[in-house]
Amino acid sequence: MKFSKTKFLIPGLAVVLAVAASAFTTNDTVDESFVQNYINSPAPCQKVDEQCTPQGTQECTTENDEYVFAKNGTSCTTPLYRQ
């Protein structure tokens, strides 16, 4: 009986292809309503731990009454709001 490597190679490739395809079709369940928050003092674009969103009615501020912004490229100029 002759040993054939392709007998084992084809099913292995099918499994690898199935795993790769499933990785591209899954959805991330990350809550995208919150974005990374920054303040512009004392230095531009310093990260802060606040929970702010791009939509809302009340502007988001820190405990020191500094306005919180979202990073837009290299600058932090997009205002953020409280939910």
N, C-alpha and C. Protein backbone atom coordinates (compact mmCIF):
# COMPACT_ATOMS: atom_id res chain seq x y z
N MET A 1 0.85 -1.17 0.00
CA MET A 1 0.00 0.00 0.00
C MET A 1 0.90 1.23 0.00
N LYS A 2 0.55 2.15 -0.84
CA LYS A 2 1.35 3.34 -1.03
C LYS A 2 0.88 4.45 -0.07
N PHE A 3 1.82 5.13 0.61
CA PHE A 3 1.49 6.22 1.54
C PHE A 3 1.42 7.53 0.77
N SER A 4 0.34 8.26 0.93
CA SER A 4 0.17 9.52 0.21
C SER A 4 0.02 10.66 1.20
N LYS A 5 0.92 11.64 1.06
CA LYS A 5 0.86 12.80 1.96
C LYS A 5 -0.36 13.67 1.69
N THR A 6 -0.84 13.67 0.47
CA THR A 6 -1.98 14.52 0.13
C THR A 6 -3.26 14.05 0.81
N LYS A 7 -3.32 12.78 1.20
CA LYS A 7 -4.49 12.28 1.93
C LYS A 7 -4.69 13.05 3.23
N PHE A 8 -3.59 13.41 3.86
CA PHE A 8 -3.66 14.10 5.14
C PHE A 8 -3.55 15.62 4.98
N LEU A 9 -2.97 16.07 3.90
CA LEU A 9 -2.76 17.48 3.68
C LEU A 9 -4.06 18.21 3.34
N ILE A 10 -4.89 17.63 2.52
CA ILE A 10 -6.13 18.29 2.09
C ILE A 10 -7.10 18.51 3.25
N PRO A 11 -7.39 17.54 4.11
CA PRO A 11 -8.26 17.82 5.26
C PRO A 11 -7.67 18.85 6.22
N GLY A 12 -6.36 18.82 6.37
CA GLY A 12 -5.70 19.81 7.23
C GLY A 12 -5.86 21.22 6.69
N LEU A 13 -5.69 21.39 5.39
CA LEU A 13 -5.88 22.69 4.76
C LEU A 13 -7.34 23.16 4.88
N ALA A 14 -8.27 22.23 4.79
CA ALA A 14 -9.68 22.59 4.93
C ALA A 14 -9.98 23.13 6.32
N VAL A 15 -9.39 22.53 7.34
CA VAL A 15 -9.59 23.00 8.71
C VAL A 15 -8.97 24.39 8.89
N VAL A 16 -7.78 24.60 8.37
CA VAL A 16 -7.12 25.91 8.48
C VAL A 16 -7.94 26.97 7.77
N LEU A 17 -8.46 26.66 6.60
CA LEU A 17 -9.28 27.60 5.86
C LEU A 17 -10.58 27.92 6.61
N ALA A 18 -11.18 26.94 7.24
CA ALA A 18 -12.42 27.17 7.99
C ALA A 18 -12.16 28.06 9.20
N VAL A 19 -11.06 27.85 9.89
CA VAL A 19 -10.72 28.68 11.05
C VAL A 19 -10.45 30.11 10.62
N ALA A 20 -9.72 30.29 9.54
CA ALA A 20 -9.43 31.63 9.04
C ALA A 20 -10.70 32.34 8.60
N ALA A 21 -11.60 31.63 7.93
CA ALA A 21 -12.85 32.24 7.49
C ALA A 21 -13.72 32.65 8.67
N SER A 22 -13.76 31.83 9.70
CA SER A 22 -14.59 32.18 10.86
C SER A 22 -14.02 33.37 11.62
N ALA A 23 -12.72 33.56 11.58
CA ALA A 23 -12.11 34.71 12.25
C ALA A 23 -12.52 36.01 11.58
N PHE A 24 -12.73 36.00 10.30
CA PHE A 24 -13.13 37.21 9.58
C PHE A 24 -14.63 37.47 9.65
N THR A 25 -15.43 36.48 9.97
CA THR A 25 -16.87 36.66 9.98
C THR A 25 -17.46 36.93 11.35
N THR A 26 -16.66 36.85 12.41
CA THR A 26 -17.19 37.11 13.75
C THR A 26 -17.31 38.61 13.99
N ASN A 27 -18.25 38.99 14.83
CA ASN A 27 -18.47 40.39 15.17
C ASN A 27 -17.84 40.69 16.52
N ASP A 28 -17.23 41.84 16.63
CA ASP A 28 -16.71 42.27 17.92
C ASP A 28 -17.87 42.77 18.76
N THR A 29 -17.82 42.48 20.05
CA THR A 29 -18.89 42.91 20.94
C THR A 29 -18.41 44.04 21.84
N VAL A 30 -17.45 44.83 21.36
CA VAL A 30 -16.93 45.95 22.13
C VAL A 30 -17.94 47.08 22.10
N ASP A 31 -18.18 47.69 23.25
CA ASP A 31 -19.10 48.82 23.33
C ASP A 31 -18.41 50.04 22.73
N GLU A 32 -18.86 50.44 21.53
CA GLU A 32 -18.22 51.55 20.84
C GLU A 32 -18.85 52.90 21.18
N SER A 33 -19.77 52.93 22.14
CA SER A 33 -20.37 54.21 22.49
C SER A 33 -19.40 55.07 23.30
N PHE A 34 -18.46 54.44 24.00
CA PHE A 34 -17.45 55.19 24.74
C PHE A 34 -16.19 55.25 23.90
N VAL A 35 -15.55 56.40 23.88
CA VAL A 35 -14.32 56.59 23.12
C VAL A 35 -13.20 56.98 24.07
N GLN A 36 -11.98 56.94 23.59
CA GLN A 36 -10.84 57.37 24.40
C GLN A 36 -10.94 58.86 24.66
N ASN A 37 -10.68 59.28 25.88
CA ASN A 37 -10.87 60.67 26.29
C ASN A 37 -9.55 61.36 26.54
N TYR A 38 -9.49 62.65 26.16
CA TYR A 38 -8.27 63.43 26.30
C TYR A 38 -8.60 64.83 26.81
N ILE A 39 -7.64 65.45 27.49
CA ILE A 39 -7.74 66.86 27.85
C ILE A 39 -6.54 67.57 27.21
N ASN A 40 -6.63 68.88 27.08
CA ASN A 40 -5.57 69.64 26.42
C ASN A 40 -4.73 70.47 27.38
N SER A 41 -4.72 70.11 28.67
CA SER A 41 -3.85 70.83 29.59
C SER A 41 -3.34 69.85 30.64
N PRO A 42 -2.17 69.94 31.09
CA PRO A 42 -1.14 70.93 30.79
C PRO A 42 -0.48 70.70 29.43
N ALA A 43 -0.62 69.51 28.84
CA ALA A 43 -0.05 69.24 27.52
C ALA A 43 -1.19 68.79 26.59
N PRO A 44 -1.04 68.99 25.30
CA PRO A 44 -2.10 68.56 24.37
C PRO A 44 -2.30 67.05 24.39
N CYS A 45 -3.53 66.65 24.31
CA CYS A 45 -3.93 65.24 24.16
C CYS A 45 -3.40 64.34 25.27
N GLN A 46 -3.71 64.68 26.52
CA GLN A 46 -3.39 63.80 27.66
C GLN A 46 -4.60 62.93 27.93
N LYS A 47 -4.39 61.61 28.03
CA LYS A 47 -5.49 60.68 28.30
C LYS A 47 -6.03 60.88 29.71
N VAL A 48 -7.34 60.75 29.84
CA VAL A 48 -7.99 60.79 31.15
C VAL A 48 -8.98 59.65 31.24
N ASP A 49 -9.31 59.27 32.46
CA ASP A 49 -10.27 58.20 32.70
C ASP A 49 -11.64 58.79 32.98
N GLU A 50 -12.36 59.11 31.93
CA GLU A 50 -13.73 59.60 32.03
C GLU A 50 -14.57 58.76 31.09
N GLN A 51 -15.86 58.65 31.38
CA GLN A 51 -16.76 57.94 30.48
C GLN A 51 -17.60 58.95 29.73
N CYS A 52 -17.16 59.28 28.54
CA CYS A 52 -17.82 60.28 27.71
C CYS A 52 -18.15 59.67 26.36
N THR A 53 -19.15 60.23 25.70
CA THR A 53 -19.58 59.73 24.40
C THR A 53 -19.62 60.87 23.39
N PRO A 54 -19.65 60.53 22.10
CA PRO A 54 -19.73 61.57 21.07
C PRO A 54 -21.08 62.29 21.03
N GLN A 55 -22.15 61.67 21.56
CA GLN A 55 -23.47 62.30 21.57
C GLN A 55 -23.91 62.60 22.99
N GLY A 56 -24.72 63.62 23.12
CA GLY A 56 -25.27 63.97 24.42
C GLY A 56 -25.63 65.43 24.47
N THR A 57 -26.04 65.90 25.63
CA THR A 57 -26.43 67.30 25.79
C THR A 57 -25.51 68.06 26.72
N GLN A 58 -24.94 67.38 27.71
CA GLN A 58 -24.08 68.04 28.68
C GLN A 58 -22.62 67.75 28.33
N GLU A 59 -21.82 68.81 28.17
CA GLU A 59 -20.41 68.61 27.82
C GLU A 59 -19.69 67.88 28.95
N CYS A 60 -18.79 67.01 28.57
CA CYS A 60 -18.05 66.19 29.52
C CYS A 60 -16.86 66.99 30.06
N THR A 61 -16.72 66.99 31.39
CA THR A 61 -15.60 67.67 32.04
C THR A 61 -15.00 66.76 33.10
N THR A 62 -13.78 67.07 33.50
CA THR A 62 -13.12 66.33 34.57
C THR A 62 -13.51 66.96 35.91
N GLU A 63 -12.96 66.40 36.99
CA GLU A 63 -13.22 66.96 38.32
C GLU A 63 -12.68 68.38 38.44
N ASN A 64 -11.66 68.72 37.65
CA ASN A 64 -11.07 70.06 37.67
C ASN A 64 -11.71 71.00 36.67
N ASP A 65 -12.89 70.66 36.16
CA ASP A 65 -13.63 71.45 35.17
C ASP A 65 -12.86 71.66 33.87
N GLU A 66 -12.07 70.67 33.47
CA GLU A 66 -11.40 70.71 32.18
C GLU A 66 -12.26 69.96 31.17
N TYR A 67 -12.47 70.54 30.00
CA TYR A 67 -13.28 69.90 28.98
C TYR A 67 -12.56 68.69 28.41
N VAL A 68 -13.34 67.65 28.10
CA VAL A 68 -12.80 66.40 27.59
C VAL A 68 -13.09 66.34 26.09
N PHE A 69 -12.07 65.87 25.33
CA PHE A 69 -12.17 65.82 23.88
C PHE A 69 -11.83 64.43 23.37
N ALA A 70 -12.24 64.16 22.13
CA ALA A 70 -11.82 62.95 21.42
C ALA A 70 -10.67 63.31 20.51
N LYS A 71 -9.79 62.35 20.29
CA LYS A 71 -8.64 62.60 19.43
C LYS A 71 -9.09 62.51 17.98
N ASN A 72 -8.70 63.51 17.21
CA ASN A 72 -9.07 63.60 15.81
C ASN A 72 -7.78 63.71 15.00
N GLY A 73 -7.18 62.57 14.65
CA GLY A 73 -5.88 62.60 13.99
C GLY A 73 -4.80 62.85 15.01
N THR A 74 -4.16 64.03 14.93
CA THR A 74 -3.10 64.37 15.88
C THR A 74 -3.54 65.42 16.89
N SER A 75 -4.75 65.96 16.72
CA SER A 75 -5.22 66.98 17.66
C SER A 75 -6.44 66.46 18.42
N CYS A 76 -6.72 67.10 19.53
CA CYS A 76 -7.86 66.73 20.37
C CYS A 76 -8.82 67.91 20.40
N THR A 77 -9.71 67.95 19.43
CA THR A 77 -10.60 69.10 19.31
C THR A 77 -12.08 68.73 19.27
N THR A 78 -12.43 67.45 19.18
CA THR A 78 -13.83 67.04 19.10
C THR A 78 -14.40 66.95 20.52
N PRO A 79 -15.38 67.81 20.88
CA PRO A 79 -15.92 67.77 22.25
C PRO A 79 -16.70 66.48 22.50
N LEU A 80 -16.66 66.03 23.75
CA LEU A 80 -17.39 64.85 24.17
C LEU A 80 -18.46 65.22 25.18
N TYR A 81 -19.43 64.34 25.39
CA TYR A 81 -20.59 64.63 26.23
C TYR A 81 -20.84 63.52 27.22
N ARG A 82 -21.59 63.84 28.28
CA ARG A 82 -22.05 62.85 29.27
C ARG A 82 -23.33 62.23 28.74
N GLN A 83 -23.53 60.99 29.12
CA GLN A 83 -24.77 60.32 28.72
C GLN A 83 -25.92 60.75 29.57
